[in-house]
Amino acid sequence: MLRKTVHVAVYDTLADWEFGHATAYLRDTAYHRPPRAGVDIRAVSATGGEPVTTIGGLRLLPDLALDALRPEDSAMLILPGAQLWDTGEENAPFARKAREFLDAGVPVAAICGGTAGLAREGLLDDRDHTSAVAGYLAGQPGYGGGERYREDADAVRDRGLITAGPTQPVAFAREILAELDLMEPEVLDAWYRLFAHSDAGAFPVLMGASG
């Protein structure tokens, strides 16, 4: 089994809390299916050079530039939220890259502001999806997917596209792990119950999986 590589888009004002559960458990193979090959995480910025600063003030050093990213070299592209998604078109190239990924059959996962970028790119019009609230997407120019919005969903996965709102980082991670088929279904369910609901009944399942 070859190691997968997942690419995470990084940009100034990146929302620190929205992707950490996903990246941590992509890397941590304790609950993965055998042979527990693991996943490499690579950070992609607009230029690939200068560090970016998250909304929490952390400085992240990207691994490569967006122009150098090819879908065939990736298992998934993750688009976290950021204030930049709502203040202009600076992040628009990341949404265009998401279109390239989906056209190539490579999954994309977007949370919070990342969903707004996809909405403006027209990528939510023909897939079920969710976000912070329906009105947030309804105000995005170019968005025509209102009938596919899932108001009652914590996160949605439809034909290779994962979406979630800013208060659902654990559900977002659950769908990423499911899309990449890294855990047995009962193990993933236990993982979600533990981290989303502090369900102590999940521990025996997880301990059995890590043995």
N, C-alpha and C. Protein backbone atom coordinates (compact mmCIF):
# COMPACT_ATOMS: atom_id res chain seq x y z
N MET A 1 0.85 -1.20 0.00
CA MET A 1 0.00 0.00 0.00
C MET A 1 0.88 1.24 0.00
N LEU A 2 0.73 2.09 -0.99
CA LEU A 2 1.52 3.31 -1.07
C LEU A 2 1.01 4.35 -0.09
N ARG A 3 1.90 5.14 0.45
CA ARG A 3 1.49 6.23 1.32
C ARG A 3 0.75 7.27 0.50
N LYS A 4 -0.32 7.78 1.07
CA LYS A 4 -1.08 8.83 0.42
C LYS A 4 -0.47 10.18 0.80
N THR A 5 -0.69 11.18 -0.03
CA THR A 5 -0.31 12.55 0.28
C THR A 5 -1.55 13.41 0.20
N VAL A 6 -1.84 14.09 1.29
CA VAL A 6 -2.96 15.03 1.35
C VAL A 6 -2.39 16.44 1.40
N HIS A 7 -2.94 17.32 0.60
CA HIS A 7 -2.47 18.70 0.54
C HIS A 7 -3.45 19.62 1.25
N VAL A 8 -2.93 20.47 2.12
CA VAL A 8 -3.73 21.43 2.87
C VAL A 8 -3.38 22.83 2.39
N ALA A 9 -4.38 23.57 1.94
CA ALA A 9 -4.16 24.96 1.52
C ALA A 9 -3.93 25.83 2.75
N VAL A 10 -2.91 26.67 2.69
CA VAL A 10 -2.61 27.57 3.81
C VAL A 10 -2.48 28.99 3.27
N TYR A 11 -3.02 29.92 4.05
CA TYR A 11 -3.04 31.33 3.66
C TYR A 11 -3.19 32.16 4.92
N ASP A 12 -2.83 33.42 4.84
CA ASP A 12 -2.97 34.29 6.00
C ASP A 12 -4.42 34.29 6.49
N THR A 13 -4.59 34.42 7.80
CA THR A 13 -5.87 34.39 8.52
C THR A 13 -6.51 33.01 8.52
N LEU A 14 -5.72 31.98 8.24
CA LEU A 14 -6.19 30.60 8.29
C LEU A 14 -6.81 30.29 9.66
N ALA A 15 -7.95 29.61 9.66
CA ALA A 15 -8.64 29.25 10.91
C ALA A 15 -8.00 28.00 11.51
N ASP A 16 -7.22 28.19 12.54
CA ASP A 16 -6.40 27.12 13.13
C ASP A 16 -7.21 25.88 13.52
N TRP A 17 -8.40 26.07 14.09
CA TRP A 17 -9.14 24.97 14.70
C TRP A 17 -9.87 24.09 13.70
N GLU A 18 -9.94 24.48 12.44
CA GLU A 18 -10.85 23.81 11.52
C GLU A 18 -10.28 22.56 10.86
N PHE A 19 -8.99 22.39 10.86
CA PHE A 19 -8.41 21.25 10.15
C PHE A 19 -7.53 20.38 11.02
N GLY A 20 -7.32 20.74 12.29
CA GLY A 20 -6.38 20.02 13.14
C GLY A 20 -6.77 18.59 13.44
N HIS A 21 -8.05 18.33 13.68
CA HIS A 21 -8.48 16.94 13.91
C HIS A 21 -8.18 16.09 12.69
N ALA A 22 -8.42 16.64 11.52
CA ALA A 22 -8.19 15.87 10.30
C ALA A 22 -6.72 15.56 10.10
N THR A 23 -5.88 16.58 10.15
CA THR A 23 -4.46 16.33 9.87
C THR A 23 -3.82 15.45 10.94
N ALA A 24 -4.22 15.63 12.20
CA ALA A 24 -3.64 14.81 13.27
C ALA A 24 -3.92 13.33 13.04
N TYR A 25 -5.15 13.00 12.67
CA TYR A 25 -5.51 11.59 12.54
C TYR A 25 -5.31 11.04 11.13
N LEU A 26 -4.95 11.89 10.20
CA LEU A 26 -4.38 11.39 8.96
C LEU A 26 -2.96 10.89 9.20
N ARG A 27 -2.25 11.60 10.05
CA ARG A 27 -0.86 11.24 10.35
C ARG A 27 -0.75 10.11 11.38
N ASP A 28 -1.61 10.14 12.39
CA ASP A 28 -1.57 9.14 13.46
C ASP A 28 -2.24 7.86 12.96
N THR A 29 -1.46 6.81 12.80
CA THR A 29 -1.99 5.58 12.19
C THR A 29 -2.55 4.60 13.21
N ALA A 30 -2.64 4.96 14.48
CA ALA A 30 -3.05 4.01 15.52
C ALA A 30 -4.37 3.33 15.22
N TYR A 31 -5.32 4.08 14.65
CA TYR A 31 -6.65 3.53 14.38
C TYR A 31 -6.86 3.20 12.90
N HIS A 32 -5.82 3.34 12.10
CA HIS A 32 -5.95 3.06 10.67
C HIS A 32 -6.05 1.55 10.42
N ARG A 33 -6.61 1.22 9.26
CA ARG A 33 -6.62 -0.17 8.83
C ARG A 33 -5.18 -0.65 8.62
N PRO A 34 -4.88 -1.93 8.85
CA PRO A 34 -3.59 -2.47 8.42
C PRO A 34 -3.46 -2.28 6.90
N PRO A 35 -2.26 -2.03 6.38
CA PRO A 35 -0.96 -2.04 7.06
C PRO A 35 -0.56 -0.70 7.67
N ARG A 36 -1.52 0.18 7.95
CA ARG A 36 -1.25 1.44 8.65
C ARG A 36 -0.15 2.24 7.96
N ALA A 37 -0.32 2.44 6.68
CA ALA A 37 0.72 3.10 5.88
C ALA A 37 0.85 4.58 6.21
N GLY A 38 -0.21 5.19 6.71
CA GLY A 38 -0.13 6.60 7.06
C GLY A 38 -0.30 7.52 5.88
N VAL A 39 -0.33 8.79 6.20
CA VAL A 39 -0.56 9.82 5.20
C VAL A 39 0.45 10.94 5.39
N ASP A 40 1.02 11.41 4.31
CA ASP A 40 1.89 12.58 4.35
C ASP A 40 1.04 13.83 4.16
N ILE A 41 1.35 14.87 4.90
CA ILE A 41 0.64 16.14 4.81
C ILE A 41 1.59 17.17 4.21
N ARG A 42 1.13 17.85 3.18
CA ARG A 42 1.92 18.92 2.57
C ARG A 42 1.09 20.19 2.53
N ALA A 43 1.71 21.29 2.95
CA ALA A 43 1.04 22.59 2.98
C ALA A 43 1.30 23.33 1.68
N VAL A 44 0.22 23.87 1.10
CA VAL A 44 0.29 24.54 -0.20
C VAL A 44 -0.14 25.99 -0.02
N SER A 45 0.70 26.92 -0.43
CA SER A 45 0.35 28.34 -0.38
C SER A 45 0.34 28.91 -1.79
N ALA A 46 -0.06 30.15 -1.90
CA ALA A 46 -0.12 30.79 -3.21
C ALA A 46 1.23 30.81 -3.89
N THR A 47 2.28 31.08 -3.12
CA THR A 47 3.62 31.22 -3.71
C THR A 47 4.58 30.10 -3.32
N GLY A 48 4.28 29.41 -2.20
CA GLY A 48 5.17 28.36 -1.73
C GLY A 48 6.41 28.86 -1.05
N GLY A 49 6.56 30.16 -0.89
CA GLY A 49 7.78 30.71 -0.32
C GLY A 49 7.62 31.26 1.07
N GLU A 50 7.00 32.42 1.19
CA GLU A 50 6.90 33.10 2.48
C GLU A 50 5.97 32.36 3.44
N PRO A 51 6.28 32.43 4.75
CA PRO A 51 5.36 31.84 5.74
C PRO A 51 4.01 32.54 5.70
N VAL A 52 2.98 31.81 6.13
CA VAL A 52 1.67 32.42 6.30
C VAL A 52 1.37 32.46 7.79
N THR A 53 0.49 33.37 8.18
CA THR A 53 0.16 33.54 9.60
C THR A 53 -1.31 33.24 9.81
N THR A 54 -1.59 32.30 10.71
CA THR A 54 -2.96 31.90 10.97
C THR A 54 -3.68 32.98 11.77
N ILE A 55 -4.98 32.82 11.90
CA ILE A 55 -5.77 33.78 12.68
C ILE A 55 -5.34 33.77 14.15
N GLY A 56 -4.75 32.65 14.59
CA GLY A 56 -4.25 32.56 15.96
C GLY A 56 -2.83 33.05 16.13
N GLY A 57 -2.21 33.52 15.05
CA GLY A 57 -0.87 34.08 15.14
C GLY A 57 0.26 33.10 14.92
N LEU A 58 -0.05 31.85 14.55
CA LEU A 58 1.01 30.88 14.26
C LEU A 58 1.55 31.10 12.85
N ARG A 59 2.86 30.94 12.70
CA ARG A 59 3.48 31.08 11.39
C ARG A 59 3.75 29.70 10.83
N LEU A 60 3.23 29.45 9.61
CA LEU A 60 3.37 28.16 8.95
C LEU A 60 4.21 28.33 7.70
N LEU A 61 5.13 27.38 7.49
CA LEU A 61 5.99 27.42 6.32
C LEU A 61 5.47 26.44 5.27
N PRO A 62 5.02 26.90 4.13
CA PRO A 62 4.46 26.01 3.10
C PRO A 62 5.52 25.09 2.51
N ASP A 63 5.04 23.97 1.94
CA ASP A 63 5.92 23.02 1.28
C ASP A 63 6.03 23.28 -0.21
N LEU A 64 4.97 23.82 -0.83
CA LEU A 64 5.01 24.05 -2.27
C LEU A 64 4.00 25.11 -2.67
N ALA A 65 4.17 25.61 -3.88
CA ALA A 65 3.29 26.64 -4.42
C ALA A 65 2.08 25.99 -5.09
N LEU A 66 0.99 26.72 -5.11
CA LEU A 66 -0.25 26.21 -5.68
C LEU A 66 -0.07 25.81 -7.14
N ASP A 67 0.65 26.59 -7.91
CA ASP A 67 0.84 26.28 -9.33
C ASP A 67 1.55 24.96 -9.55
N ALA A 68 2.31 24.52 -8.55
CA ALA A 68 3.06 23.27 -8.69
C ALA A 68 2.25 22.05 -8.28
N LEU A 69 1.07 22.27 -7.72
CA LEU A 69 0.25 21.16 -7.23
C LEU A 69 -0.54 20.53 -8.38
N ARG A 70 -0.40 19.21 -8.55
CA ARG A 70 -1.13 18.48 -9.58
C ARG A 70 -2.05 17.46 -8.92
N PRO A 71 -3.28 17.33 -9.38
CA PRO A 71 -4.19 16.36 -8.78
C PRO A 71 -3.63 14.94 -8.75
N GLU A 72 -2.90 14.56 -9.78
CA GLU A 72 -2.39 13.19 -9.83
C GLU A 72 -1.35 12.90 -8.76
N ASP A 73 -0.84 13.93 -8.11
CA ASP A 73 0.14 13.75 -7.04
C ASP A 73 -0.50 13.78 -5.66
N SER A 74 -1.82 13.84 -5.60
CA SER A 74 -2.50 14.08 -4.33
C SER A 74 -3.66 13.11 -4.13
N ALA A 75 -3.94 12.82 -2.87
CA ALA A 75 -5.12 12.04 -2.51
C ALA A 75 -6.30 12.93 -2.16
N MET A 76 -6.04 14.18 -1.82
CA MET A 76 -7.11 15.11 -1.44
C MET A 76 -6.53 16.51 -1.26
N LEU A 77 -7.38 17.51 -1.54
CA LEU A 77 -7.05 18.90 -1.25
C LEU A 77 -8.01 19.39 -0.17
N ILE A 78 -7.46 19.93 0.92
CA ILE A 78 -8.27 20.46 2.02
C ILE A 78 -8.19 21.98 2.00
N LEU A 79 -9.35 22.63 2.02
CA LEU A 79 -9.45 24.08 2.03
C LEU A 79 -10.04 24.55 3.36
N PRO A 80 -9.22 24.92 4.33
CA PRO A 80 -9.75 25.45 5.58
C PRO A 80 -10.33 26.85 5.38
N GLY A 81 -11.09 27.30 6.37
CA GLY A 81 -11.59 28.67 6.33
C GLY A 81 -10.51 29.68 6.64
N ALA A 82 -10.80 30.93 6.34
CA ALA A 82 -9.90 32.05 6.62
C ALA A 82 -10.68 33.34 6.37
N GLN A 83 -10.29 34.38 7.04
CA GLN A 83 -10.94 35.67 6.80
C GLN A 83 -10.77 36.11 5.35
N LEU A 84 -9.66 35.70 4.72
CA LEU A 84 -9.41 36.11 3.34
C LEU A 84 -10.49 35.63 2.37
N TRP A 85 -11.18 34.54 2.70
CA TRP A 85 -12.24 34.08 1.81
C TRP A 85 -13.37 35.10 1.70
N ASP A 86 -13.51 35.94 2.72
CA ASP A 86 -14.63 36.88 2.79
C ASP A 86 -14.25 38.32 2.51
N THR A 87 -13.00 38.58 2.20
CA THR A 87 -12.56 39.97 2.05
C THR A 87 -12.06 40.31 0.64
N GLY A 88 -12.23 39.40 -0.30
CA GLY A 88 -11.78 39.67 -1.66
C GLY A 88 -11.57 38.39 -2.42
N GLU A 89 -10.82 38.48 -3.50
CA GLU A 89 -10.60 37.34 -4.38
C GLU A 89 -9.19 36.76 -4.27
N GLU A 90 -8.50 37.10 -3.20
CA GLU A 90 -7.12 36.62 -3.05
C GLU A 90 -7.03 35.10 -3.03
N ASN A 91 -8.05 34.45 -2.46
CA ASN A 91 -8.02 32.99 -2.37
C ASN A 91 -8.70 32.29 -3.54
N ALA A 92 -9.19 33.05 -4.51
CA ALA A 92 -9.89 32.45 -5.64
C ALA A 92 -9.07 31.38 -6.37
N PRO A 93 -7.74 31.53 -6.51
CA PRO A 93 -6.98 30.46 -7.18
C PRO A 93 -7.09 29.10 -6.50
N PHE A 94 -7.32 29.08 -5.19
CA PHE A 94 -7.48 27.81 -4.50
C PHE A 94 -8.79 27.14 -4.89
N ALA A 95 -9.84 27.94 -5.07
CA ALA A 95 -11.12 27.39 -5.52
C ALA A 95 -10.99 26.86 -6.95
N ARG A 96 -10.25 27.57 -7.78
CA ARG A 96 -10.04 27.08 -9.15
C ARG A 96 -9.24 25.77 -9.14
N LYS A 97 -8.30 25.66 -8.23
CA LYS A 97 -7.56 24.41 -8.10
C LYS A 97 -8.48 23.29 -7.64
N ALA A 98 -9.44 23.62 -6.79
CA ALA A 98 -10.41 22.62 -6.35
C ALA A 98 -11.20 22.09 -7.54
N ARG A 99 -11.58 22.97 -8.46
CA ARG A 99 -12.27 22.52 -9.67
C ARG A 99 -11.40 21.55 -10.46
N GLU A 100 -10.12 21.87 -10.57
CA GLU A 100 -9.19 21.00 -11.28
C GLU A 100 -9.13 19.62 -10.62
N PHE A 101 -9.11 19.60 -9.30
CA PHE A 101 -9.08 18.33 -8.56
C PHE A 101 -10.35 17.52 -8.83
N LEU A 102 -11.51 18.16 -8.67
CA LEU A 102 -12.77 17.44 -8.84
C LEU A 102 -12.92 16.94 -10.27
N ASP A 103 -12.50 17.74 -11.23
CA ASP A 103 -12.57 17.31 -12.63
C ASP A 103 -11.70 16.08 -12.87
N ALA A 104 -10.62 15.98 -12.09
CA ALA A 104 -9.72 14.84 -12.23
C ALA A 104 -10.12 13.65 -11.36
N GLY A 105 -11.23 13.79 -10.61
CA GLY A 105 -11.69 12.71 -9.75
C GLY A 105 -10.95 12.60 -8.44
N VAL A 106 -10.29 13.68 -8.01
CA VAL A 106 -9.56 13.69 -6.74
C VAL A 106 -10.38 14.50 -5.73
N PRO A 107 -10.60 13.96 -4.52
CA PRO A 107 -11.50 14.62 -3.57
C PRO A 107 -11.00 15.97 -3.09
N VAL A 108 -11.97 16.79 -2.69
CA VAL A 108 -11.73 18.11 -2.10
C VAL A 108 -12.57 18.21 -0.83
N ALA A 109 -12.00 18.79 0.21
CA ALA A 109 -12.71 19.01 1.47
C ALA A 109 -12.61 20.49 1.83
N ALA A 110 -13.75 21.15 2.04
CA ALA A 110 -13.77 22.58 2.35
C ALA A 110 -14.63 22.83 3.57
N ILE A 111 -14.16 23.72 4.43
CA ILE A 111 -14.88 24.05 5.66
C ILE A 111 -14.97 25.57 5.78
N CYS A 112 -16.09 26.04 6.31
CA CYS A 112 -16.30 27.46 6.59
C CYS A 112 -16.06 28.31 5.34
N GLY A 113 -15.16 29.26 5.39
CA GLY A 113 -14.93 30.15 4.26
C GLY A 113 -14.53 29.42 2.99
N GLY A 114 -13.92 28.26 3.12
CA GLY A 114 -13.58 27.48 1.94
C GLY A 114 -14.81 27.11 1.14
N THR A 115 -15.95 26.89 1.82
CA THR A 115 -17.18 26.58 1.09
C THR A 115 -17.66 27.79 0.30
N ALA A 116 -17.43 28.99 0.82
CA ALA A 116 -17.82 30.20 0.09
C ALA A 116 -17.02 30.33 -1.20
N GLY A 117 -15.74 30.01 -1.13
CA GLY A 117 -14.93 30.04 -2.34
C GLY A 117 -15.43 29.05 -3.38
N LEU A 118 -15.82 27.85 -2.93
CA LEU A 118 -16.35 26.86 -3.86
C LEU A 118 -17.69 27.31 -4.43
N ALA A 119 -18.49 27.98 -3.59
CA ALA A 119 -19.78 28.49 -4.07
C ALA A 119 -19.58 29.49 -5.19
N ARG A 120 -18.63 30.40 -5.02
CA ARG A 120 -18.38 31.40 -6.06
C ARG A 120 -17.84 30.77 -7.33
N GLU A 121 -17.18 29.64 -7.20
CA GLU A 121 -16.64 28.93 -8.35
C GLU A 121 -17.69 28.05 -9.02
N GLY A 122 -18.87 27.95 -8.42
CA GLY A 122 -19.95 27.14 -8.99
C GLY A 122 -19.84 25.66 -8.70
N LEU A 123 -19.00 25.29 -7.73
CA LEU A 123 -18.75 23.88 -7.47
C LEU A 123 -19.76 23.24 -6.53
N LEU A 124 -20.65 24.04 -5.96
CA LEU A 124 -21.66 23.49 -5.05
C LEU A 124 -23.03 23.37 -5.72
N ASP A 125 -23.13 23.76 -6.96
CA ASP A 125 -24.44 23.82 -7.60
C ASP A 125 -25.05 22.45 -7.85
N ASP A 126 -24.23 21.43 -8.04
CA ASP A 126 -24.77 20.12 -8.39
C ASP A 126 -24.39 19.03 -7.40
N ARG A 127 -23.98 19.43 -6.19
CA ARG A 127 -23.67 18.46 -5.14
C ARG A 127 -24.33 18.89 -3.83
N ASP A 128 -24.78 17.90 -3.04
CA ASP A 128 -25.25 18.22 -1.70
C ASP A 128 -24.09 18.81 -0.90
N HIS A 129 -24.40 19.78 -0.03
CA HIS A 129 -23.34 20.45 0.71
C HIS A 129 -23.92 21.17 1.92
N THR A 130 -23.03 21.65 2.77
CA THR A 130 -23.43 22.47 3.90
C THR A 130 -22.34 23.52 4.13
N SER A 131 -22.58 24.38 5.12
CA SER A 131 -21.63 25.44 5.45
C SER A 131 -22.01 25.98 6.82
N ALA A 132 -21.66 27.23 7.08
CA ALA A 132 -22.02 27.84 8.37
C ALA A 132 -23.53 27.96 8.50
N VAL A 133 -24.17 28.65 7.58
CA VAL A 133 -25.62 28.77 7.46
C VAL A 133 -25.94 28.95 5.98
N ALA A 134 -27.18 28.65 5.61
CA ALA A 134 -27.55 28.74 4.21
C ALA A 134 -27.37 30.16 3.67
N GLY A 135 -27.70 31.17 4.48
CA GLY A 135 -27.60 32.54 4.03
C GLY A 135 -26.19 32.98 3.69
N TYR A 136 -25.21 32.36 4.34
CA TYR A 136 -23.81 32.69 4.06
C TYR A 136 -23.48 32.37 2.60
N LEU A 137 -23.92 31.21 2.14
CA LEU A 137 -23.66 30.85 0.75
C LEU A 137 -24.59 31.57 -0.22
N ALA A 138 -25.83 31.81 0.22
CA ALA A 138 -26.80 32.45 -0.67
C ALA A 138 -26.32 33.82 -1.14
N GLY A 139 -25.49 34.47 -0.33
CA GLY A 139 -24.99 35.79 -0.69
C GLY A 139 -23.75 35.78 -1.56
N GLN A 140 -23.27 34.60 -1.93
CA GLN A 140 -22.05 34.51 -2.73
C GLN A 140 -22.39 34.63 -4.22
N PRO A 141 -21.73 35.53 -4.94
CA PRO A 141 -21.99 35.66 -6.39
C PRO A 141 -21.64 34.36 -7.12
N GLY A 142 -22.51 33.98 -8.02
CA GLY A 142 -22.27 32.77 -8.80
C GLY A 142 -22.82 31.50 -8.19
N TYR A 143 -23.35 31.58 -6.97
CA TYR A 143 -23.86 30.39 -6.29
C TYR A 143 -25.28 30.07 -6.75
N GLY A 144 -25.49 28.85 -7.18
CA GLY A 144 -26.82 28.42 -7.60
C GLY A 144 -27.22 27.10 -6.99
N GLY A 145 -26.66 26.78 -5.83
CA GLY A 145 -26.89 25.46 -5.24
C GLY A 145 -27.80 25.45 -4.03
N GLY A 146 -28.64 26.46 -3.89
CA GLY A 146 -29.48 26.54 -2.70
C GLY A 146 -30.32 25.31 -2.45
N GLU A 147 -30.83 24.68 -3.50
CA GLU A 147 -31.67 23.50 -3.34
C GLU A 147 -30.88 22.29 -2.86
N ARG A 148 -29.57 22.33 -2.96
CA ARG A 148 -28.73 21.20 -2.52
C ARG A 148 -28.13 21.42 -1.14
N TYR A 149 -28.50 22.55 -0.49
CA TYR A 149 -27.94 22.84 0.83
C TYR A 149 -28.59 21.95 1.89
N ARG A 150 -27.76 21.34 2.75
CA ARG A 150 -28.23 20.45 3.81
C ARG A 150 -28.16 21.17 5.14
N GLU A 151 -29.24 21.78 5.54
CA GLU A 151 -29.29 22.59 6.77
C GLU A 151 -29.05 21.75 8.02
N ASP A 152 -29.51 20.51 8.02
CA ASP A 152 -29.48 19.67 9.22
C ASP A 152 -28.23 18.83 9.35
N ALA A 153 -27.27 18.98 8.46
CA ALA A 153 -26.08 18.11 8.44
C ALA A 153 -24.90 18.78 9.11
N ASP A 154 -24.13 18.01 9.87
CA ASP A 154 -22.91 18.55 10.47
C ASP A 154 -21.79 18.64 9.45
N ALA A 155 -21.75 17.70 8.53
CA ALA A 155 -20.80 17.70 7.40
C ALA A 155 -21.43 16.85 6.31
N VAL A 156 -21.08 17.15 5.07
CA VAL A 156 -21.69 16.46 3.93
C VAL A 156 -20.59 15.98 3.00
N ARG A 157 -20.77 14.75 2.51
CA ARG A 157 -19.85 14.19 1.51
C ARG A 157 -20.67 13.75 0.31
N ASP A 158 -20.36 14.31 -0.85
CA ASP A 158 -21.10 13.99 -2.06
C ASP A 158 -20.17 13.95 -3.26
N ARG A 159 -19.96 12.75 -3.79
CA ARG A 159 -19.18 12.57 -5.01
C ARG A 159 -17.81 13.25 -4.95
N GLY A 160 -17.12 12.97 -3.84
CA GLY A 160 -15.76 13.46 -3.72
C GLY A 160 -15.61 14.85 -3.15
N LEU A 161 -16.71 15.50 -2.80
CA LEU A 161 -16.64 16.84 -2.22
C LEU A 161 -17.18 16.81 -0.80
N ILE A 162 -16.38 17.28 0.16
CA ILE A 162 -16.75 17.33 1.58
C ILE A 162 -16.90 18.79 1.97
N THR A 163 -17.99 19.09 2.69
CA THR A 163 -18.20 20.46 3.18
C THR A 163 -18.66 20.41 4.62
N ALA A 164 -18.34 21.48 5.36
CA ALA A 164 -18.75 21.60 6.76
C ALA A 164 -18.69 23.06 7.16
N GLY A 165 -19.37 23.37 8.26
CA GLY A 165 -19.32 24.71 8.82
C GLY A 165 -18.23 24.84 9.87
N PRO A 166 -17.96 26.04 10.36
CA PRO A 166 -16.82 26.30 11.23
C PRO A 166 -16.92 25.66 12.61
N THR A 167 -18.12 25.26 13.03
CA THR A 167 -18.28 24.64 14.35
C THR A 167 -18.22 23.12 14.30
N GLN A 168 -17.87 22.56 13.14
CA GLN A 168 -17.89 21.10 12.99
C GLN A 168 -16.55 20.52 12.52
N PRO A 169 -15.45 20.88 13.19
CA PRO A 169 -14.17 20.33 12.72
C PRO A 169 -14.05 18.82 12.90
N VAL A 170 -14.73 18.26 13.91
CA VAL A 170 -14.63 16.81 14.12
C VAL A 170 -15.42 16.07 13.05
N ALA A 171 -16.63 16.55 12.75
CA ALA A 171 -17.41 15.93 11.68
C ALA A 171 -16.70 16.08 10.33
N PHE A 172 -16.07 17.22 10.12
CA PHE A 172 -15.28 17.45 8.91
C PHE A 172 -14.17 16.41 8.80
N ALA A 173 -13.46 16.18 9.90
CA ALA A 173 -12.40 15.17 9.90
C ALA A 173 -12.96 13.77 9.67
N ARG A 174 -14.12 13.49 10.27
CA ARG A 174 -14.75 12.17 10.07
C ARG A 174 -14.98 11.89 8.59
N GLU A 175 -15.49 12.87 7.86
CA GLU A 175 -15.77 12.66 6.44
C GLU A 175 -14.49 12.54 5.63
N ILE A 176 -13.46 13.26 6.02
CA ILE A 176 -12.16 13.13 5.34
C ILE A 176 -11.59 11.73 5.53
N LEU A 177 -11.62 11.25 6.77
CA LEU A 177 -11.10 9.91 7.06
C LEU A 177 -11.93 8.85 6.35
N ALA A 178 -13.24 9.07 6.25
CA ALA A 178 -14.10 8.12 5.54
C ALA A 178 -13.81 8.12 4.04
N GLU A 179 -13.67 9.31 3.47
CA GLU A 179 -13.42 9.41 2.03
C GLU A 179 -12.13 8.69 1.65
N LEU A 180 -11.13 8.78 2.51
CA LEU A 180 -9.84 8.15 2.23
C LEU A 180 -9.79 6.70 2.69
N ASP A 181 -10.88 6.24 3.33
CA ASP A 181 -11.04 4.83 3.71
C ASP A 181 -9.88 4.35 4.59
N LEU A 182 -9.56 5.14 5.60
CA LEU A 182 -8.41 4.82 6.45
C LEU A 182 -8.76 3.99 7.68
N MET A 183 -10.03 4.00 8.10
CA MET A 183 -10.45 3.28 9.29
C MET A 183 -11.62 2.36 8.95
N GLU A 184 -11.73 1.27 9.71
CA GLU A 184 -12.94 0.47 9.63
C GLU A 184 -14.13 1.32 10.07
N PRO A 185 -15.30 1.11 9.48
CA PRO A 185 -16.46 1.96 9.82
C PRO A 185 -16.77 2.03 11.31
N GLU A 186 -16.70 0.89 12.02
CA GLU A 186 -17.01 0.93 13.46
C GLU A 186 -15.94 1.68 14.25
N VAL A 187 -14.71 1.65 13.77
CA VAL A 187 -13.64 2.39 14.44
C VAL A 187 -13.82 3.88 14.21
N LEU A 188 -14.15 4.26 12.98
CA LEU A 188 -14.38 5.68 12.69
C LEU A 188 -15.57 6.20 13.48
N ASP A 189 -16.62 5.40 13.60
CA ASP A 189 -17.78 5.81 14.39
C ASP A 189 -17.38 6.03 15.85
N ALA A 190 -16.57 5.12 16.38
CA ALA A 190 -16.12 5.28 17.77
C ALA A 190 -15.24 6.51 17.92
N TRP A 191 -14.37 6.72 16.96
CA TRP A 191 -13.50 7.91 17.00
C TRP A 191 -14.35 9.18 17.04
N TYR A 192 -15.37 9.24 16.20
CA TYR A 192 -16.23 10.42 16.17
C TYR A 192 -16.99 10.58 17.49
N ARG A 193 -17.52 9.49 18.02
CA ARG A 193 -18.27 9.58 19.27
C ARG A 193 -17.39 10.07 20.41
N LEU A 194 -16.14 9.66 20.41
CA LEU A 194 -15.23 10.10 21.47
C LEU A 194 -14.92 11.58 21.36
N PHE A 195 -14.52 12.03 20.18
CA PHE A 195 -14.05 13.40 20.05
C PHE A 195 -15.18 14.42 19.87
N ALA A 196 -16.32 13.98 19.40
CA ALA A 196 -17.45 14.90 19.25
C ALA A 196 -18.34 14.93 20.48
N HIS A 197 -18.46 13.78 21.18
CA HIS A 197 -19.43 13.68 22.26
C HIS A 197 -18.84 13.17 23.57
N SER A 198 -17.53 13.00 23.65
CA SER A 198 -16.87 12.50 24.86
C SER A 198 -17.51 11.20 25.34
N ASP A 199 -17.84 10.32 24.41
CA ASP A 199 -18.52 9.07 24.72
C ASP A 199 -17.49 8.04 25.19
N ALA A 200 -17.50 7.75 26.47
CA ALA A 200 -16.53 6.81 27.03
C ALA A 200 -16.70 5.41 26.46
N GLY A 201 -17.89 5.09 25.95
CA GLY A 201 -18.11 3.78 25.36
C GLY A 201 -17.32 3.54 24.10
N ALA A 202 -16.73 4.60 23.55
CA ALA A 202 -15.93 4.46 22.34
C ALA A 202 -14.54 3.91 22.62
N PHE A 203 -14.07 4.04 23.86
CA PHE A 203 -12.69 3.65 24.18
C PHE A 203 -12.40 2.19 23.86
N PRO A 204 -13.24 1.22 24.26
CA PRO A 204 -12.90 -0.18 23.98
C PRO A 204 -12.72 -0.45 22.49
N VAL A 205 -13.54 0.17 21.66
CA VAL A 205 -13.41 -0.03 20.21
C VAL A 205 -12.08 0.51 19.72
N LEU A 206 -11.73 1.70 20.18
CA LEU A 206 -10.48 2.31 19.73
C LEU A 206 -9.26 1.56 20.25
N MET A 207 -9.33 1.12 21.48
CA MET A 207 -8.20 0.37 22.03
C MET A 207 -8.01 -0.94 21.29
N GLY A 208 -9.13 -1.58 20.91
CA GLY A 208 -9.02 -2.80 20.14
C GLY A 208 -8.43 -2.57 18.77
N ALA A 209 -8.75 -1.43 18.18
CA ALA A 209 -8.25 -1.12 16.85
C ALA A 209 -6.76 -0.80 16.86
N SER A 210 -6.27 -0.27 17.97
CA SER A 210 -4.86 0.16 18.04
C SER A 210 -3.94 -0.96 18.51
N GLY A 211 -4.51 -2.08 18.87
CA GLY A 211 -3.70 -3.16 19.40
C GLY A 211 -2.92 -3.93 18.33
